[in-house]
Amino acid sequence: MTKQLVTAKPETSVTEIAQMMMEHRISAVPVITPDQRLLGIISETDLLQRREAGMERLPRSWWLALFNSKDRLTKSVDKTEGNLAKNIMTTPAISVDQEATIEDVARLFLTRKINQAPVVHRGKLVGIVSRGDLVSAVARSD
């Protein structure tokens, strides 16, 4: 589980979220309240499917262009400004309790076809677990 989290507020722009993912090399950003309550999650898939949220369809190459440009975003990505996290996040987020076992998390990932899940304790975000974390945990246990 990763405890050093990159998170967004509901009002965070889609452009900022894409930048966060690029800068931190992550594939999902939890959306939280000021008191760390989990509202939803935005994954790479959510960014790529934002058309369903009523947003303008962007060229396929926008995501690759974003990752190939450290200092600037392409004109295509700039078209998303004004679109907010709350409009594209998956809610409710599929999360796991911090007491969940490796087996519980693996089963959840397989049945729900997800790659990461926020970890909560008493409703508050405390971390995020990924498929890579599961592989590491299994390797350590052998």
C-alpha atoms as a PDB file:
ATOM      1  CA  MET A   1       0.000   0.000   0.000  1.00  0.00           C
ATOM      2  CA  THR A   2       1.185   3.486  -0.823  1.00  0.00           C
ATOM      3  CA  LYS A   3       0.613   5.951   2.002  1.00  0.00           C
ATOM      4  CA  GLN A   4       2.079   9.050   0.349  1.00  0.00           C
ATOM      5  CA  LEU A   5      -0.953  10.004  -1.664  1.00  0.00           C
ATOM      6  CA  VAL A   6      -1.624  12.323  -4.542  1.00  0.00           C
ATOM      7  CA  THR A   7      -5.252  13.400  -4.195  1.00  0.00           C
ATOM      8  CA  ALA A   8      -7.681  15.823  -5.788  1.00  0.00           C
ATOM      9  CA  LYS A   9     -10.591  17.924  -4.619  1.00  0.00           C
ATOM     10  CA  PRO A  10     -13.937  17.744  -6.443  1.00  0.00           C
ATOM     11  CA  GLU A  11     -13.144  21.147  -8.002  1.00  0.00           C
ATOM     12  CA  THR A  12      -9.719  20.102  -9.361  1.00  0.00           C
ATOM     13  CA  SER A  13      -9.569  20.504 -13.146  1.00  0.00           C
ATOM     14  CA  VAL A  14      -9.152  17.573 -15.500  1.00  0.00           C
ATOM     15  CA  THR A  15      -5.955  19.182 -16.806  1.00  0.00           C
ATOM     16  CA  GLU A  16      -4.477  19.340 -13.283  1.00  0.00           C
ATOM     17  CA  ILE A  17      -5.365  15.694 -12.681  1.00  0.00           C
ATOM     18  CA  ALA A  18      -3.709  14.626 -15.930  1.00  0.00           C
ATOM     19  CA  GLN A  19      -0.619  16.617 -14.913  1.00  0.00           C
ATOM     20  CA  MET A  20      -0.592  14.937 -11.477  1.00  0.00           C
ATOM     21  CA  MET A  21      -0.721  11.507 -13.091  1.00  0.00           C
ATOM     22  CA  MET A  22       2.111  12.405 -15.432  1.00  0.00           C
ATOM     23  CA  GLU A  23       4.351  14.032 -12.816  1.00  0.00           C
ATOM     24  CA  HIS A  24       3.890  11.318 -10.196  1.00  0.00           C
ATOM     25  CA  ARG A  25       3.704   8.415 -12.661  1.00  0.00           C
ATOM     26  CA  ILE A  26       0.434   7.166 -11.245  1.00  0.00           C
ATOM     27  CA  SER A  27      -2.649   5.777 -12.935  1.00  0.00           C
ATOM     28  CA  ALA A  28      -5.360   6.968 -10.535  1.00  0.00           C
ATOM     29  CA  VAL A  29      -6.106   9.890  -8.233  1.00  0.00           C
ATOM     30  CA  PRO A  30      -8.549   9.618  -5.304  1.00  0.00           C
ATOM     31  CA  VAL A  31     -10.974  12.528  -4.911  1.00  0.00           C
ATOM     32  CA  ILE A  32     -11.464  13.501  -1.270  1.00  0.00           C
ATOM     33  CA  THR A  33     -13.149  15.984   1.048  1.00  0.00           C
ATOM     34  CA  PRO A  34     -11.091  18.333   3.255  1.00  0.00           C
ATOM     35  CA  ASP A  35     -11.401  15.800   6.118  1.00  0.00           C
ATOM     36  CA  GLN A  36      -9.981  12.957   3.960  1.00  0.00           C
ATOM     37  CA  ARG A  37     -13.305  11.234   3.228  1.00  0.00           C
ATOM     38  CA  LEU A  38     -13.228   9.379  -0.076  1.00  0.00           C
ATOM     39  CA  LEU A  39     -15.694  10.738  -2.655  1.00  0.00           C
ATOM     40  CA  GLY A  40     -14.498   8.930  -5.764  1.00  0.00           C
ATOM     41  CA  ILE A  41     -11.494   8.083  -7.901  1.00  0.00           C
ATOM     42  CA  ILE A  42     -10.254   9.184 -11.305  1.00  0.00           C
ATOM     43  CA  SER A  43      -8.303   6.648 -13.324  1.00  0.00           C
ATOM     44  CA  GLU A  44      -6.624   6.907 -16.704  1.00  0.00           C
ATOM     45  CA  THR A  45      -9.714   5.190 -18.075  1.00  0.00           C
ATOM     46  CA  ASP A  46     -11.944   7.936 -16.649  1.00  0.00           C
ATOM     47  CA  LEU A  47      -9.832  10.556 -18.412  1.00  0.00           C
ATOM     48  CA  LEU A  48      -9.992   8.672 -21.679  1.00  0.00           C
ATOM     49  CA  GLN A  49     -13.757   8.116 -21.411  1.00  0.00           C
ATOM     50  CA  ARG A  50     -14.713  11.614 -20.282  1.00  0.00           C
ATOM     51  CA  ARG A  51     -16.856  12.038 -23.399  1.00  0.00           C
ATOM     52  CA  GLU A  52     -19.577  10.168 -21.502  1.00  0.00           C
ATOM     53  CA  ALA A  53     -19.586  12.979 -18.944  1.00  0.00           C
ATOM     54  CA  GLY A  54     -20.612  15.437 -21.645  1.00  0.00           C
ATOM     55  CA  MET A  55     -17.112  16.627 -22.471  1.00  0.00           C
ATOM     56  CA  GLU A  56     -15.740  17.341 -25.910  1.00  0.00           C
ATOM     57  CA  ARG A  57     -14.136  14.352 -27.576  1.00  0.00           C
ATOM     58  CA  LEU A  58     -10.413  14.853 -27.965  1.00  0.00           C
ATOM     59  CA  PRO A  59      -8.091  13.293 -30.526  1.00  0.00           C
ATOM     60  CA  ARG A  60      -6.709   9.897 -29.555  1.00  0.00           C
ATOM     61  CA  SER A  61      -3.200  11.311 -29.425  1.00  0.00           C
ATOM     62  CA  TRP A  62      -3.897  13.823 -26.628  1.00  0.00           C
ATOM     63  CA  TRP A  63      -2.927  11.424 -23.830  1.00  0.00           C
ATOM     64  CA  LEU A  64       0.349  10.430 -25.496  1.00  0.00           C
ATOM     65  CA  ALA A  65       1.127  14.059 -26.230  1.00  0.00           C
ATOM     66  CA  LEU A  66       0.590  14.888 -22.571  1.00  0.00           C
ATOM     67  CA  PHE A  67       3.131  12.298 -21.487  1.00  0.00           C
ATOM     68  CA  ASN A  68       5.610  13.433 -24.140  1.00  0.00           C
ATOM     69  CA  SER A  69       5.461  17.058 -22.994  1.00  0.00           C
ATOM     70  CA  LYS A  70       6.931  17.891 -19.586  1.00  0.00           C
ATOM     71  CA  ASP A  71       6.499  21.662 -19.616  1.00  0.00           C
ATOM     72  CA  ARG A  72       3.317  22.211 -21.574  1.00  0.00           C
ATOM     73  CA  LEU A  73       0.048  20.572 -22.445  1.00  0.00           C
ATOM     74  CA  THR A  74      -1.179  20.240 -25.988  1.00  0.00           C
ATOM     75  CA  LYS A  75      -3.988  22.407 -27.325  1.00  0.00           C
ATOM     76  CA  SER A  76      -6.236  19.353 -27.206  1.00  0.00           C
ATOM     77  CA  VAL A  77      -5.744  18.888 -23.477  1.00  0.00           C
ATOM     78  CA  ASP A  78      -6.323  22.580 -22.862  1.00  0.00           C
ATOM     79  CA  LYS A  79      -9.839  22.113 -24.269  1.00  0.00           C
ATOM     80  CA  THR A  80     -10.718  20.208 -21.100  1.00  0.00           C
ATOM     81  CA  GLU A  81     -10.126  23.203 -18.810  1.00  0.00           C
ATOM     82  CA  GLY A  82     -13.245  23.936 -16.839  1.00  0.00           C
ATOM     83  CA  ASN A  83     -14.108  20.252 -16.580  1.00  0.00           C
ATOM     84  CA  LEU A  84     -13.775  19.162 -13.000  1.00  0.00           C
ATOM     85  CA  ALA A  85     -12.941  16.022 -11.062  1.00  0.00           C
ATOM     86  CA  LYS A  86     -16.490  15.781  -9.739  1.00  0.00           C
ATOM     87  CA  ASN A  87     -17.763  15.473 -13.323  1.00  0.00           C
ATOM     88  CA  ILE A  88     -15.637  12.499 -14.358  1.00  0.00           C
ATOM     89  CA  MET A  89     -14.774  10.616 -11.162  1.00  0.00           C
ATOM     90  CA  THR A  90     -16.000   7.096 -10.588  1.00  0.00           C
ATOM     91  CA  THR A  91     -18.288   7.202  -7.608  1.00  0.00           C
ATOM     92  CA  PRO A  92     -18.576   5.483  -5.320  1.00  0.00           C
ATOM     93  CA  ALA A  93     -14.973   4.401  -5.551  1.00  0.00           C
ATOM     94  CA  ILE A  94     -14.328   0.703  -5.129  1.00  0.00           C
ATOM     95  CA  SER A  95     -12.242   0.724  -1.965  1.00  0.00           C
ATOM     96  CA  VAL A  96     -10.813  -1.701   0.559  1.00  0.00           C
ATOM     97  CA  ASP A  97     -10.599  -1.493   4.316  1.00  0.00           C
ATOM     98  CA  GLN A  98      -7.094  -1.238   5.714  1.00  0.00           C
ATOM     99  CA  GLU A  99      -7.668  -4.580   7.471  1.00  0.00           C
ATOM    100  CA  ALA A 100      -8.339  -6.423   4.188  1.00  0.00           C
ATOM    101  CA  THR A 101      -6.110  -9.402   3.418  1.00  0.00           C
ATOM    102  CA  ILE A 102      -4.008  -9.816   0.281  1.00  0.00           C
ATOM    103  CA  GLU A 103      -6.488 -12.470  -0.828  1.00  0.00           C
ATOM    104  CA  ASP A 104      -9.428 -10.086  -0.337  1.00  0.00           C
ATOM    105  CA  VAL A 105      -7.740  -7.377  -2.395  1.00  0.00           C
ATOM    106  CA  ALA A 106      -6.708  -9.799  -5.162  1.00  0.00           C
ATOM    107  CA  ARG A 107     -10.256 -11.157  -5.371  1.00  0.00           C
ATOM    108  CA  LEU A 108     -11.659  -7.624  -5.581  1.00  0.00           C
ATOM    109  CA  PHE A 109      -9.229  -6.655  -8.356  1.00  0.00           C
ATOM    110  CA  LEU A 110     -10.135  -9.748 -10.363  1.00  0.00           C
ATOM    111  CA  THR A 111     -13.899  -9.605  -9.906  1.00  0.00           C
ATOM    112  CA  ARG A 112     -14.226  -5.842 -10.411  1.00  0.00           C
ATOM    113  CA  LYS A 113     -11.513  -5.664 -13.112  1.00  0.00           C
ATOM    114  CA  ILE A 114      -9.653  -2.799 -11.444  1.00  0.00           C
ATOM    115  CA  ASN A 115      -5.951  -2.046 -11.139  1.00  0.00           C
ATOM    116  CA  GLN A 116      -5.923  -0.089  -7.893  1.00  0.00           C
ATOM    117  CA  ALA A 117      -8.174   0.676  -4.966  1.00  0.00           C
ATOM    118  CA  PRO A 118      -8.179   3.371  -2.306  1.00  0.00           C
ATOM    119  CA  VAL A 119      -7.604   2.037   1.204  1.00  0.00           C
ATOM    120  CA  VAL A 120      -9.887   3.444   3.891  1.00  0.00           C
ATOM    121  CA  HIS A 121     -10.089   3.297   7.663  1.00  0.00           C
ATOM    122  CA  ARG A 122     -13.326   4.454   9.280  1.00  0.00           C
ATOM    123  CA  GLY A 123     -14.329   6.118   6.033  1.00  0.00           C
ATOM    124  CA  LYS A 124     -11.128   8.125   5.658  1.00  0.00           C
ATOM    125  CA  LEU A 125      -8.517   7.621   2.966  1.00  0.00           C
ATOM    126  CA  VAL A 126      -5.268   6.170   4.347  1.00  0.00           C
ATOM    127  CA  GLY A 127      -3.600   4.795   1.215  1.00  0.00           C
ATOM    128  CA  ILE A 128      -3.959   3.221  -2.196  1.00  0.00           C
ATOM    129  CA  VAL A 129      -3.140  -0.343  -3.199  1.00  0.00           C
ATOM    130  CA  SER A 130      -2.213  -1.407  -6.724  1.00  0.00           C
ATOM    131  CA  ARG A 131      -1.670  -4.650  -8.596  1.00  0.00           C
ATOM    132  CA  GLY A 132       2.062  -3.967  -8.250  1.00  0.00           C
ATOM    133  CA  ASP A 133       1.654  -3.837  -4.468  1.00  0.00           C
ATOM    134  CA  LEU A 134      -0.043  -7.243  -4.588  1.00  0.00           C
ATOM    135  CA  VAL A 135       2.766  -8.738  -6.666  1.00  0.00           C
ATOM    136  CA  SER A 136       5.334  -7.342  -4.211  1.00  0.00           C
ATOM    137  CA  ALA A 137       3.419  -8.740  -1.229  1.00  0.00           C
ATOM    138  CA  VAL A 138       3.197 -12.198  -2.811  1.00  0.00           C
ATOM    139  CA  ALA A 139       6.915 -12.137  -3.668  1.00  0.00           C
ATOM    140  CA  ARG A 140       7.815 -11.224  -0.068  1.00  0.00           C
ATOM    141  CA  SER A 141       5.653 -14.017   1.341  1.00  0.00           C
ATOM    142  CA  ASP A 142       7.407 -16.755  -0.667  1.00  0.00           C
END
